[in-house]
Amino acid sequence: MSITEENQTDILDSALPEHPQKRDAMGNAFFYHHFAMMLYIVAGWSIPLKPALWFYAVFIPMVVLQWRLNRNTCIINNIETLIRTGKWRSVAKNTEEGGWLWTLARRLTGWDISHFAMDVFIYCLMGTFLLLGLSHLKGWLFWG
């Protein structure tokens, strides 16, 4: 391989498995629904509408609460598993159950991130986004 070919290879390409598992249409629908929820969690605090900010201020704690009550799994994954297997939980059939973002991060980076470290990171982010949403809602900080 020449130097020019090496420079054209994306760094993430080397982190992905050689033969990644393909998602079917339902798997893609659930994956992108998860992705849309993640985008809303990351950017929802910046919406300039009070009703949307109130919804966001309730939504973030509800997401965290459902994770905690559902043994660190997401209802979205559980619904996919239920449709596919007839059971609410099946890590053997749905590898993303209990760790959608953790699985995504490991696949994209190739890093061996512990589940605990990812949980700490996610819960800190959720708290940060909630505080940003509340500060925007209440006019704290730079939103006067």
C-alpha atoms as a PDB file:
ATOM      1  CA  MET A   1       0.000   0.000   0.000  1.00  0.00           C
ATOM      2  CA  SER A   2       1.392   3.362  -0.961  1.00  0.00           C
ATOM      3  CA  ILE A   3       1.492   6.397   1.312  1.00  0.00           C
ATOM      4  CA  THR A   4      -1.315   8.070  -0.665  1.00  0.00           C
ATOM      5  CA  GLU A   5      -3.560   5.031  -0.143  1.00  0.00           C
ATOM      6  CA  GLU A   6      -2.863   5.100   3.613  1.00  0.00           C
ATOM      7  CA  ASN A   7      -3.828   8.775   3.818  1.00  0.00           C
ATOM      8  CA  GLN A   8      -7.146   8.094   2.072  1.00  0.00           C
ATOM      9  CA  THR A   9      -8.207   5.474   4.636  1.00  0.00           C
ATOM     10  CA  ASP A  10     -10.453   6.861   7.337  1.00  0.00           C
ATOM     11  CA  ILE A  11      -9.217   6.215  10.890  1.00  0.00           C
ATOM     12  CA  LEU A  12     -12.617   4.752  11.876  1.00  0.00           C
ATOM     13  CA  ASP A  13     -12.432   2.207   9.064  1.00  0.00           C
ATOM     14  CA  SER A  14      -9.601   0.457  10.885  1.00  0.00           C
ATOM     15  CA  ALA A  15     -11.662   0.240  14.099  1.00  0.00           C
ATOM     16  CA  LEU A  16     -14.656  -1.455  12.508  1.00  0.00           C
ATOM     17  CA  PRO A  17     -14.812  -5.229  12.241  1.00  0.00           C
ATOM     18  CA  GLU A  18     -13.883  -6.683   8.857  1.00  0.00           C
ATOM     19  CA  HIS A  19     -17.370  -8.134   8.397  1.00  0.00           C
ATOM     20  CA  PRO A  20     -19.780  -6.033  10.495  1.00  0.00           C
ATOM     21  CA  GLN A  21     -23.175  -7.521  11.209  1.00  0.00           C
ATOM     22  CA  LYS A  22     -25.818  -6.035   8.897  1.00  0.00           C
ATOM     23  CA  ARG A  23     -29.054  -4.710  10.349  1.00  0.00           C
ATOM     24  CA  ASP A  24     -32.394  -5.593   8.833  1.00  0.00           C
ATOM     25  CA  ALA A  25     -35.094  -2.929   8.242  1.00  0.00           C
ATOM     26  CA  MET A  26     -36.489  -3.242  11.776  1.00  0.00           C
ATOM     27  CA  GLY A  27     -33.001  -3.116  13.292  1.00  0.00           C
ATOM     28  CA  ASN A  28     -32.269   0.039  11.299  1.00  0.00           C
ATOM     29  CA  ALA A  29     -35.555   1.622  12.375  1.00  0.00           C
ATOM     30  CA  PHE A  30     -34.814   1.007  16.056  1.00  0.00           C
ATOM     31  CA  PHE A  31     -31.159   2.083  15.656  1.00  0.00           C
ATOM     32  CA  TYR A  32     -32.113   5.381  14.019  1.00  0.00           C
ATOM     33  CA  HIS A  33     -34.873   5.969  16.565  1.00  0.00           C
ATOM     34  CA  HIS A  34     -32.220   5.596  19.253  1.00  0.00           C
ATOM     35  CA  PHE A  35     -29.953   7.938  17.320  1.00  0.00           C
ATOM     36  CA  ALA A  36     -32.743  10.558  17.036  1.00  0.00           C
ATOM     37  CA  MET A  37     -33.339  10.335  20.798  1.00  0.00           C
ATOM     38  CA  MET A  38     -29.622  10.808  21.393  1.00  0.00           C
ATOM     39  CA  LEU A  39     -29.579  13.904  19.170  1.00  0.00           C
ATOM     40  CA  TYR A  40     -32.565  15.317  21.057  1.00  0.00           C
ATOM     41  CA  ILE A  41     -30.842  14.671  24.395  1.00  0.00           C
ATOM     42  CA  VAL A  42     -27.655  16.368  23.177  1.00  0.00           C
ATOM     43  CA  ALA A  43     -29.285  19.394  21.517  1.00  0.00           C
ATOM     44  CA  GLY A  44     -32.758  19.723  23.084  1.00  0.00           C
ATOM     45  CA  TRP A  45     -31.556  22.150  25.761  1.00  0.00           C
ATOM     46  CA  SER A  46     -30.945  24.772  23.059  1.00  0.00           C
ATOM     47  CA  ILE A  47     -34.542  24.885  21.750  1.00  0.00           C
ATOM     48  CA  PRO A  48     -35.818  28.446  22.324  1.00  0.00           C
ATOM     49  CA  LEU A  49     -39.443  27.455  23.075  1.00  0.00           C
ATOM     50  CA  LYS A  50     -40.543  27.264  26.735  1.00  0.00           C
ATOM     51  CA  PRO A  51     -42.947  24.296  26.250  1.00  0.00           C
ATOM     52  CA  ALA A  52     -40.182  22.332  24.494  1.00  0.00           C
ATOM     53  CA  LEU A  53     -37.766  23.175  27.324  1.00  0.00           C
ATOM     54  CA  TRP A  54     -40.294  22.060  29.949  1.00  0.00           C
ATOM     55  CA  PHE A  55     -40.735  18.780  28.064  1.00  0.00           C
ATOM     56  CA  TYR A  56     -36.940  18.418  27.882  1.00  0.00           C
ATOM     57  CA  ALA A  57     -36.621  19.066  31.642  1.00  0.00           C
ATOM     58  CA  VAL A  58     -39.015  16.161  32.270  1.00  0.00           C
ATOM     59  CA  PHE A  59     -37.741  13.940  29.451  1.00  0.00           C
ATOM     60  CA  ILE A  60     -34.115  13.718  30.647  1.00  0.00           C
ATOM     61  CA  PRO A  61     -34.950  12.459  34.176  1.00  0.00           C
ATOM     62  CA  MET A  62     -37.550  10.070  32.724  1.00  0.00           C
ATOM     63  CA  VAL A  63     -34.944   8.524  30.413  1.00  0.00           C
ATOM     64  CA  VAL A  64     -32.561   8.032  33.338  1.00  0.00           C
ATOM     65  CA  LEU A  65     -35.361   6.686  35.546  1.00  0.00           C
ATOM     66  CA  GLN A  66     -36.465   4.123  32.973  1.00  0.00           C
ATOM     67  CA  TRP A  67     -32.837   2.954  32.623  1.00  0.00           C
ATOM     68  CA  ARG A  68     -32.560   2.518  36.398  1.00  0.00           C
ATOM     69  CA  LEU A  69     -35.918   0.761  36.771  1.00  0.00           C
ATOM     70  CA  ASN A  70     -35.292  -1.457  33.740  1.00  0.00           C
ATOM     71  CA  ARG A  71     -31.934  -2.867  34.935  1.00  0.00           C
ATOM     72  CA  ASN A  72     -29.812  -0.454  32.875  1.00  0.00           C
ATOM     73  CA  THR A  73     -31.558  -1.290  29.616  1.00  0.00           C
ATOM     74  CA  CYS A  74     -33.580   0.906  27.328  1.00  0.00           C
ATOM     75  CA  ILE A  75     -37.219   0.326  26.565  1.00  0.00           C
ATOM     76  CA  ILE A  76     -36.464   0.838  22.865  1.00  0.00           C
ATOM     77  CA  ASN A  77     -34.137  -2.192  22.887  1.00  0.00           C
ATOM     78  CA  ASN A  78     -36.614  -4.187  24.951  1.00  0.00           C
ATOM     79  CA  ILE A  79     -39.412  -3.501  22.465  1.00  0.00           C
ATOM     80  CA  GLU A  80     -37.199  -4.649  19.587  1.00  0.00           C
ATOM     81  CA  THR A  81     -36.303  -7.803  21.508  1.00  0.00           C
ATOM     82  CA  LEU A  82     -39.969  -8.425  22.359  1.00  0.00           C
ATOM     83  CA  ILE A  83     -40.969  -8.157  18.701  1.00  0.00           C
ATOM     84  CA  ARG A  84     -38.132 -10.449  17.588  1.00  0.00           C
ATOM     85  CA  THR A  85     -38.217 -13.094  20.326  1.00  0.00           C
ATOM     86  CA  GLY A  86     -41.447 -12.715  22.277  1.00  0.00           C
ATOM     87  CA  LYS A  87     -39.394 -11.969  25.401  1.00  0.00           C
ATOM     88  CA  TRP A  88     -38.806  -8.584  27.055  1.00  0.00           C
ATOM     89  CA  ARG A  89     -35.078  -9.189  27.516  1.00  0.00           C
ATOM     90  CA  SER A  90     -32.585 -11.264  25.526  1.00  0.00           C
ATOM     91  CA  VAL A  91     -28.988 -10.071  25.390  1.00  0.00           C
ATOM     92  CA  ALA A  92     -28.108 -13.138  23.302  1.00  0.00           C
ATOM     93  CA  LYS A  93     -30.472 -11.993  20.521  1.00  0.00           C
ATOM     94  CA  ASN A  94     -29.952  -8.215  20.869  1.00  0.00           C
ATOM     95  CA  THR A  95     -26.329  -7.344  21.635  1.00  0.00           C
ATOM     96  CA  GLU A  96     -27.180  -3.650  22.066  1.00  0.00           C
ATOM     97  CA  GLU A  97     -29.630  -4.335  24.881  1.00  0.00           C
ATOM     98  CA  GLY A  98     -28.370  -2.671  28.015  1.00  0.00           C
ATOM     99  CA  GLY A  99     -25.704  -0.732  26.205  1.00  0.00           C
ATOM    100  CA  TRP A 100     -26.704   0.881  22.906  1.00  0.00           C
ATOM    101  CA  LEU A 101     -24.316   3.831  23.230  1.00  0.00           C
ATOM    102  CA  TRP A 102     -21.637   1.628  24.830  1.00  0.00           C
ATOM    103  CA  THR A 103     -21.849  -0.803  21.888  1.00  0.00           C
ATOM    104  CA  LEU A 104     -21.814   2.054  19.379  1.00  0.00           C
ATOM    105  CA  ALA A 105     -18.791   3.686  21.029  1.00  0.00           C
ATOM    106  CA  ARG A 106     -16.856   0.414  21.151  1.00  0.00           C
ATOM    107  CA  ARG A 107     -17.608  -0.363  17.500  1.00  0.00           C
ATOM    108  CA  LEU A 108     -16.651   3.107  16.290  1.00  0.00           C
ATOM    109  CA  THR A 109     -13.491   3.556  18.376  1.00  0.00           C
ATOM    110  CA  GLY A 110     -12.298  -0.006  18.902  1.00  0.00           C
ATOM    111  CA  TRP A 111     -11.534   0.946  22.520  1.00  0.00           C
ATOM    112  CA  ASP A 112     -12.221  -1.537  25.291  1.00  0.00           C
ATOM    113  CA  ILE A 113     -14.405   0.786  27.375  1.00  0.00           C
ATOM    114  CA  SER A 114     -15.749  -0.785  30.543  1.00  0.00           C
ATOM    115  CA  HIS A 115     -19.499  -0.779  31.019  1.00  0.00           C
ATOM    116  CA  PHE A 116     -19.069   1.046  34.351  1.00  0.00           C
ATOM    117  CA  ALA A 117     -16.925   3.796  32.793  1.00  0.00           C
ATOM    118  CA  MET A 118     -19.503   4.275  30.048  1.00  0.00           C
ATOM    119  CA  ASP A 119     -22.327   4.473  32.609  1.00  0.00           C
ATOM    120  CA  VAL A 120     -20.466   7.140  34.602  1.00  0.00           C
ATOM    121  CA  PHE A 121     -19.814   9.087  31.412  1.00  0.00           C
ATOM    122  CA  ILE A 122     -23.448   8.844  30.243  1.00  0.00           C
ATOM    123  CA  TYR A 123     -24.957   9.811  33.617  1.00  0.00           C
ATOM    124  CA  CYS A 124     -22.606  12.806  33.885  1.00  0.00           C
ATOM    125  CA  LEU A 125     -23.616  13.900  30.404  1.00  0.00           C
ATOM    126  CA  MET A 126     -27.311  13.492  31.214  1.00  0.00           C
ATOM    127  CA  GLY A 127     -26.870  15.656  34.317  1.00  0.00           C
ATOM    128  CA  THR A 128     -25.001  18.266  32.306  1.00  0.00           C
ATOM    129  CA  PHE A 129     -27.683  18.384  29.605  1.00  0.00           C
ATOM    130  CA  LEU A 130     -30.425  18.619  32.235  1.00  0.00           C
ATOM    131  CA  LEU A 131     -28.638  21.543  33.890  1.00  0.00           C
ATOM    132  CA  LEU A 132     -28.202  23.242  30.514  1.00  0.00           C
ATOM    133  CA  GLY A 133     -31.910  22.797  29.782  1.00  0.00           C
ATOM    134  CA  LEU A 134     -32.930  24.156  33.184  1.00  0.00           C
ATOM    135  CA  SER A 135     -30.559  27.091  32.858  1.00  0.00           C
ATOM    136  CA  HIS A 136     -32.041  27.937  29.469  1.00  0.00           C
ATOM    137  CA  LEU A 137     -35.582  27.539  30.803  1.00  0.00           C
ATOM    138  CA  LYS A 138     -35.005  29.709  33.858  1.00  0.00           C
ATOM    139  CA  GLY A 139     -32.797  32.302  32.171  1.00  0.00           C
ATOM    140  CA  TRP A 140     -29.786  31.441  34.325  1.00  0.00           C
ATOM    141  CA  LEU A 141     -26.211  31.999  33.187  1.00  0.00           C
ATOM    142  CA  PHE A 142     -25.906  33.600  29.768  1.00  0.00           C
ATOM    143  CA  TRP A 143     -29.558  33.289  28.666  1.00  0.00           C
ATOM    144  CA  GLY A 144     -30.850  36.221  30.778  1.00  0.00           C
END
